[in-house]
Amino acid sequence: GPHLHYEVHELDGEVLDPMHFLMPDMSPESYRKLERRTQQYRANLEEDAALPQTASSQAAR
């Protein structure tokens, strides 16, 4: 389905991790916390996507 894909490259073509490019001062522990939260959010989204959809539940959104 539709999604956003982007990459960050140095001038010499080296591919950079976008998280380090966008937040270079983030500590390794903060980065790990962010990754854990992201995994939790994704799991919640997957659970919601697995729920049956009815006309009344779609109208409420």
PDB file of N, CA and C in Angstrom:
ATOM      1  N   GLY A   1       0.804  -1.175   0.000  1.00  0.00           N
ATOM      2  CA  GLY A   1       0.000   0.000   0.000  1.00  0.00           C
ATOM      3  C   GLY A   1       0.856   1.251   0.000  1.00  0.00           C
ATOM      4  N   PRO A   2       0.226   2.393   0.003  1.00  0.00           N
ATOM      5  CA  PRO A   2       0.958   3.659   0.001  1.00  0.00           C
ATOM      6  C   PRO A   2       1.843   3.781   1.242  1.00  0.00           C
ATOM      7  N   HIS A   3       3.029   4.265   1.039  1.00  0.00           N
ATOM      8  CA  HIS A   3       3.943   4.477   2.155  1.00  0.00           C
ATOM      9  C   HIS A   3       4.992   5.502   1.755  1.00  0.00           C
ATOM     10  N   LEU A   4       5.712   5.972   2.737  1.00  0.00           N
ATOM     11  CA  LEU A   4       6.781   6.934   2.505  1.00  0.00           C
ATOM     12  C   LEU A   4       8.111   6.225   2.673  1.00  0.00           C
ATOM     13  N   HIS A   5       8.978   6.400   1.715  1.00  0.00           N
ATOM     14  CA  HIS A   5      10.327   5.844   1.802  1.00  0.00           C
ATOM     15  C   HIS A   5      11.305   6.972   1.522  1.00  0.00           C
ATOM     16  N   TYR A   6      12.263   7.139   2.380  1.00  0.00           N
ATOM     17  CA  TYR A   6      13.287   8.139   2.119  1.00  0.00           C
ATOM     18  C   TYR A   6      14.625   7.624   2.610  1.00  0.00           C
ATOM     19  N   GLU A   7      15.673   8.130   2.015  1.00  0.00           N
ATOM     20  CA  GLU A   7      17.031   7.788   2.407  1.00  0.00           C
ATOM     21  C   GLU A   7      17.823   9.074   2.534  1.00  0.00           C
ATOM     22  N   VAL A   8      18.846   9.025   3.366  1.00  0.00           N
ATOM     23  CA  VAL A   8      19.741  10.166   3.533  1.00  0.00           C
ATOM     24  C   VAL A   8      21.120   9.714   3.062  1.00  0.00           C
ATOM     25  N   HIS A   9      21.700  10.493   2.159  1.00  0.00           N
ATOM     26  CA  HIS A   9      23.015  10.165   1.607  1.00  0.00           C
ATOM     27  C   HIS A   9      23.986  11.312   1.859  1.00  0.00           C
ATOM     28  N   GLU A  10      25.219  10.949   2.162  1.00  0.00           N
ATOM     29  CA  GLU A  10      26.304  11.932   2.222  1.00  0.00           C
ATOM     30  C   GLU A  10      26.599  12.383   0.792  1.00  0.00           C
ATOM     31  N   LEU A  11      27.366  13.443   0.656  1.00  0.00           N
ATOM     32  CA  LEU A  11      27.740  13.916  -0.679  1.00  0.00           C
ATOM     33  C   LEU A  11      28.512  12.864  -1.466  1.00  0.00           C
ATOM     34  N   ASP A  12      29.244  11.988  -0.744  1.00  0.00           N
ATOM     35  CA  ASP A  12      30.006  10.939  -1.428  1.00  0.00           C
ATOM     36  C   ASP A  12      29.158   9.705  -1.733  1.00  0.00           C
ATOM     37  N   GLY A  13      27.853   9.751  -1.408  1.00  0.00           N
ATOM     38  CA  GLY A  13      26.950   8.643  -1.705  1.00  0.00           C
ATOM     39  C   GLY A  13      26.735   7.681  -0.553  1.00  0.00           C
ATOM     40  N   GLU A  14      27.489   7.828   0.536  1.00  0.00           N
ATOM     41  CA  GLU A  14      27.318   6.940   1.690  1.00  0.00           C
ATOM     42  C   GLU A  14      25.913   7.111   2.269  1.00  0.00           C
ATOM     43  N   VAL A  15      25.247   5.970   2.534  1.00  0.00           N
ATOM     44  CA  VAL A  15      23.901   6.002   3.099  1.00  0.00           C
ATOM     45  C   VAL A  15      24.009   6.187   4.610  1.00  0.00           C
ATOM     46  N   LEU A  16      23.220   7.124   5.143  1.00  0.00           N
ATOM     47  CA  LEU A  16      23.206   7.397   6.579  1.00  0.00           C
ATOM     48  C   LEU A  16      21.917   6.880   7.200  1.00  0.00           C
ATOM     49  N   ASP A  17      21.979   6.514   8.465  1.00  0.00           N
ATOM     50  CA  ASP A  17      20.775   6.177   9.219  1.00  0.00           C
ATOM     51  C   ASP A  17      19.998   7.477   9.418  1.00  0.00           C
ATOM     52  N   PRO A  18      18.756   7.577   8.906  1.00  0.00           N
ATOM     53  CA  PRO A  18      18.004   8.832   9.027  1.00  0.00           C
ATOM     54  C   PRO A  18      17.825   9.303  10.463  1.00  0.00           C
ATOM     55  N   MET A  19      17.715   8.379  11.419  1.00  0.00           N
ATOM     56  CA  MET A  19      17.535   8.787  12.812  1.00  0.00           C
ATOM     57  C   MET A  19      18.759   9.549  13.311  1.00  0.00           C
ATOM     58  N   HIS A  20      19.937   9.119  12.913  1.00  0.00           N
ATOM     59  CA  HIS A  20      21.148   9.812  13.352  1.00  0.00           C
ATOM     60  C   HIS A  20      21.324  11.123  12.599  1.00  0.00           C
ATOM     61  N   PHE A  21      20.810  11.177  11.394  1.00  0.00           N
ATOM     62  CA  PHE A  21      20.875  12.418  10.627  1.00  0.00           C
ATOM     63  C   PHE A  21      19.927  13.452  11.218  1.00  0.00           C
ATOM     64  N   LEU A  22      18.712  13.015  11.576  1.00  0.00           N
ATOM     65  CA  LEU A  22      17.710  13.938  12.081  1.00  0.00           C
ATOM     66  C   LEU A  22      17.936  14.310  13.540  1.00  0.00           C
ATOM     67  N   MET A  23      18.497  13.396  14.330  1.00  0.00           N
ATOM     68  CA  MET A  23      18.708  13.632  15.760  1.00  0.00           C
ATOM     69  C   MET A  23      20.123  13.215  16.143  1.00  0.00           C
ATOM     70  N   PRO A  24      21.129  13.945  15.694  1.00  0.00           N
ATOM     71  CA  PRO A  24      22.508  13.507  15.927  1.00  0.00           C
ATOM     72  C   PRO A  24      22.913  13.481  17.398  1.00  0.00           C
ATOM     73  N   ASP A  25      22.221  14.240  18.250  1.00  0.00           N
ATOM     74  CA  ASP A  25      22.606  14.297  19.662  1.00  0.00           C
ATOM     75  C   ASP A  25      21.865  13.287  20.529  1.00  0.00           C
ATOM     76  N   MET A  26      21.038  12.442  19.925  1.00  0.00           N
ATOM     77  CA  MET A  26      20.266  11.465  20.695  1.00  0.00           C
ATOM     78  C   MET A  26      21.211  10.406  21.260  1.00  0.00           C
ATOM     79  N   SER A  27      21.067  10.137  22.542  1.00  0.00           N
ATOM     80  CA  SER A  27      21.913   9.129  23.181  1.00  0.00           C
ATOM     81  C   SER A  27      21.466   7.738  22.737  1.00  0.00           C
ATOM     82  N   PRO A  28      22.363   6.757  22.825  1.00  0.00           N
ATOM     83  CA  PRO A  28      21.981   5.390  22.466  1.00  0.00           C
ATOM     84  C   PRO A  28      20.780   4.888  23.278  1.00  0.00           C
ATOM     85  N   GLU A  29      20.710   5.236  24.558  1.00  0.00           N
ATOM     86  CA  GLU A  29      19.578   4.798  25.390  1.00  0.00           C
ATOM     87  C   GLU A  29      18.277   5.441  24.913  1.00  0.00           C
ATOM     88  N   SER A  30      18.314   6.719  24.584  1.00  0.00           N
ATOM     89  CA  SER A  30      17.113   7.388  24.069  1.00  0.00           C
ATOM     90  C   SER A  30      16.674   6.762  22.751  1.00  0.00           C
ATOM     91  N   TYR A  31      17.626   6.419  21.913  1.00  0.00           N
ATOM     92  CA  TYR A  31      17.311   5.778  20.638  1.00  0.00           C
ATOM     93  C   TYR A  31      16.639   4.425  20.878  1.00  0.00           C
ATOM     94  N   ARG A  32      17.156   3.639  21.817  1.00  0.00           N
ATOM     95  CA  ARG A  32      16.552   2.334  22.129  1.00  0.00           C
ATOM     96  C   ARG A  32      15.135   2.513  22.667  1.00  0.00           C
ATOM     97  N   LYS A  33      14.914   3.532  23.516  1.00  0.00           N
ATOM     98  CA  LYS A  33      13.563   3.811  24.023  1.00  0.00           C
ATOM     99  C   LYS A  33      12.623   4.159  22.877  1.00  0.00           C
ATOM    100  N   LEU A  34      13.099   4.972  21.954  1.00  0.00           N
ATOM    101  CA  LEU A  34      12.292   5.341  20.797  1.00  0.00           C
ATOM    102  C   LEU A  34      11.947   4.107  19.962  1.00  0.00           C
ATOM    103  N   GLU A  35      12.909   3.221  19.765  1.00  0.00           N
ATOM    104  CA  GLU A  35      12.651   1.994  19.012  1.00  0.00           C
ATOM    105  C   GLU A  35      11.605   1.128  19.716  1.00  0.00           C
ATOM    106  N   ARG A  36      11.698   1.005  21.051  1.00  0.00           N
ATOM    107  CA  ARG A  36      10.719   0.199  21.797  1.00  0.00           C
ATOM    108  C   ARG A  36       9.320   0.791  21.666  1.00  0.00           C
ATOM    109  N   ARG A  37       9.210   2.118  21.809  1.00  0.00           N
ATOM    110  CA  ARG A  37       7.899   2.769  21.666  1.00  0.00           C
ATOM    111  C   ARG A  37       7.339   2.568  20.263  1.00  0.00           C
ATOM    112  N   THR A  38       8.195   2.673  19.278  1.00  0.00           N
ATOM    113  CA  THR A  38       7.759   2.483  17.895  1.00  0.00           C
ATOM    114  C   THR A  38       7.231   1.066  17.697  1.00  0.00           C
ATOM    115  N   GLN A  39       7.913   0.076  18.248  1.00  0.00           N
ATOM    116  CA  GLN A  39       7.448  -1.309  18.141  1.00  0.00           C
ATOM    117  C   GLN A  39       6.096  -1.484  18.823  1.00  0.00           C
ATOM    118  N   GLN A  40       5.901  -0.832  19.978  1.00  0.00           N
ATOM    119  CA  GLN A  40       4.613  -0.914  20.675  1.00  0.00           C
ATOM    120  C   GLN A  40       3.509  -0.278  19.841  1.00  0.00           C
ATOM    121  N   TYR A  41       3.780   0.888  19.256  1.00  0.00           N
ATOM    122  CA  TYR A  41       2.778   1.559  18.425  1.00  0.00           C
ATOM    123  C   TYR A  41       2.419   0.700  17.216  1.00  0.00           C
ATOM    124  N   ARG A  42       3.426   0.100  16.597  1.00  0.00           N
ATOM    125  CA  ARG A  42       3.158  -0.759  15.431  1.00  0.00           C
ATOM    126  C   ARG A  42       2.315  -1.966  15.826  1.00  0.00           C
ATOM    127  N   ALA A  43       2.618  -2.565  16.964  1.00  0.00           N
ATOM    128  CA  ALA A  43       1.839  -3.716  17.426  1.00  0.00           C
ATOM    129  C   ALA A  43       0.390  -3.308  17.663  1.00  0.00           C
ATOM    130  N   ASN A  44       0.173  -2.134  18.260  1.00  0.00           N
ATOM    131  CA  ASN A  44      -1.193  -1.654  18.480  1.00  0.00           C
ATOM    132  C   ASN A  44      -1.912  -1.424  17.161  1.00  0.00           C
ATOM    133  N   LEU A  45      -1.227  -0.848  16.184  1.00  0.00           N
ATOM    134  CA  LEU A  45      -1.841  -0.621  14.879  1.00  0.00           C
ATOM    135  C   LEU A  45      -2.208  -1.940  14.207  1.00  0.00           C
ATOM    136  N   GLU A  46      -1.332  -2.943  14.333  1.00  0.00           N
ATOM    137  CA  GLU A  46      -1.617  -4.245  13.737  1.00  0.00           C
ATOM    138  C   GLU A  46      -2.817  -4.904  14.413  1.00  0.00           C
ATOM    139  N   GLU A  47      -2.927  -4.750  15.732  1.00  0.00           N
ATOM    140  CA  GLU A  47      -4.089  -5.291  16.443  1.00  0.00           C
ATOM    141  C   GLU A  47      -5.365  -4.621  15.960  1.00  0.00           C
ATOM    142  N   ASP A  48      -5.338  -3.296  15.834  1.00  0.00           N
ATOM    143  CA  ASP A  48      -6.511  -2.562  15.359  1.00  0.00           C
ATOM    144  C   ASP A  48      -6.876  -2.971  13.940  1.00  0.00           C
ATOM    145  N   ALA A  49      -5.877  -3.194  13.101  1.00  0.00           N
ATOM    146  CA  ALA A  49      -6.138  -3.570  11.712  1.00  0.00           C
ATOM    147  C   ALA A  49      -6.775  -4.953  11.624  1.00  0.00           C
ATOM    148  N   ALA A  50      -6.518  -5.800  12.614  1.00  0.00           N
ATOM    149  CA  ALA A  50      -7.067  -7.152  12.600  1.00  0.00           C
ATOM    150  C   ALA A  50      -8.522  -7.199  13.059  1.00  0.00           C
ATOM    151  N   LEU A  51      -9.017  -6.128  13.673  1.00  0.00           N
ATOM    152  CA  LEU A  51     -10.403  -6.102  14.137  1.00  0.00           C
ATOM    153  C   LEU A  51     -11.352  -6.036  12.949  1.00  0.00           C
ATOM    154  N   PRO A  52     -12.493  -6.704  13.046  1.00  0.00           N
ATOM    155  CA  PRO A  52     -13.464  -6.620  11.953  1.00  0.00           C
ATOM    156  C   PRO A  52     -13.994  -5.197  11.815  1.00  0.00           C
ATOM    157  N   GLN A  53     -14.204  -4.780  10.591  1.00  0.00           N
ATOM    158  CA  GLN A  53     -14.720  -3.445  10.309  1.00  0.00           C
ATOM    159  C   GLN A  53     -16.198  -3.544   9.954  1.00  0.00           C
ATOM    160  N   THR A  54     -16.995  -2.711  10.583  1.00  0.00           N
ATOM    161  CA  THR A  54     -18.419  -2.643  10.260  1.00  0.00           C
ATOM    162  C   THR A  54     -18.739  -1.226   9.813  1.00  0.00           C
ATOM    163  N   ALA A  55     -19.870  -1.059   9.155  1.00  0.00           N
ATOM    164  CA  ALA A  55     -20.258   0.268   8.680  1.00  0.00           C
ATOM    165  C   ALA A  55     -20.371   1.245   9.844  1.00  0.00           C
ATOM    166  N   SER A  56     -20.915   0.796  10.975  1.00  0.00           N
ATOM    167  CA  SER A  56     -21.080   1.714  12.106  1.00  0.00           C
ATOM    168  C   SER A  56     -19.741   2.093  12.720  1.00  0.00           C
ATOM    169  N   SER A  57     -18.758   1.179  12.753  1.00  0.00           N
ATOM    170  CA  SER A  57     -17.457   1.524  13.331  1.00  0.00           C
ATOM    171  C   SER A  57     -16.682   2.449  12.405  1.00  0.00           C
ATOM    172  N   GLN A  58     -16.868   2.330  11.107  1.00  0.00           N
ATOM    173  CA  GLN A  58     -16.179   3.221  10.173  1.00  0.00           C
ATOM    174  C   GLN A  58     -16.779   4.619  10.221  1.00  0.00           C
ATOM    175  N   ALA A  59     -18.081   4.733  10.462  1.00  0.00           N
ATOM    176  CA  ALA A  59     -18.720   6.044  10.533  1.00  0.00           C
ATOM    177  C   ALA A  59     -18.251   6.810  11.764  1.00  0.00           C
ATOM    178  N   ALA A  60     -17.874   6.094  12.820  1.00  0.00           N
ATOM    179  CA  ALA A  60     -17.445   6.736  14.063  1.00  0.00           C
ATOM    180  C   ALA A  60     -16.043   7.311  13.945  1.00  0.00           C
ATOM    181  N   ARG A  61     -15.278   6.892  12.960  1.00  0.00           N
ATOM    182  CA  ARG A  61     -13.890   7.353  12.819  1.00  0.00           C
ATOM    183  C   ARG A  61     -13.804   8.688  12.220  1.00  0.00           C
TER     184      ARG A  61
END
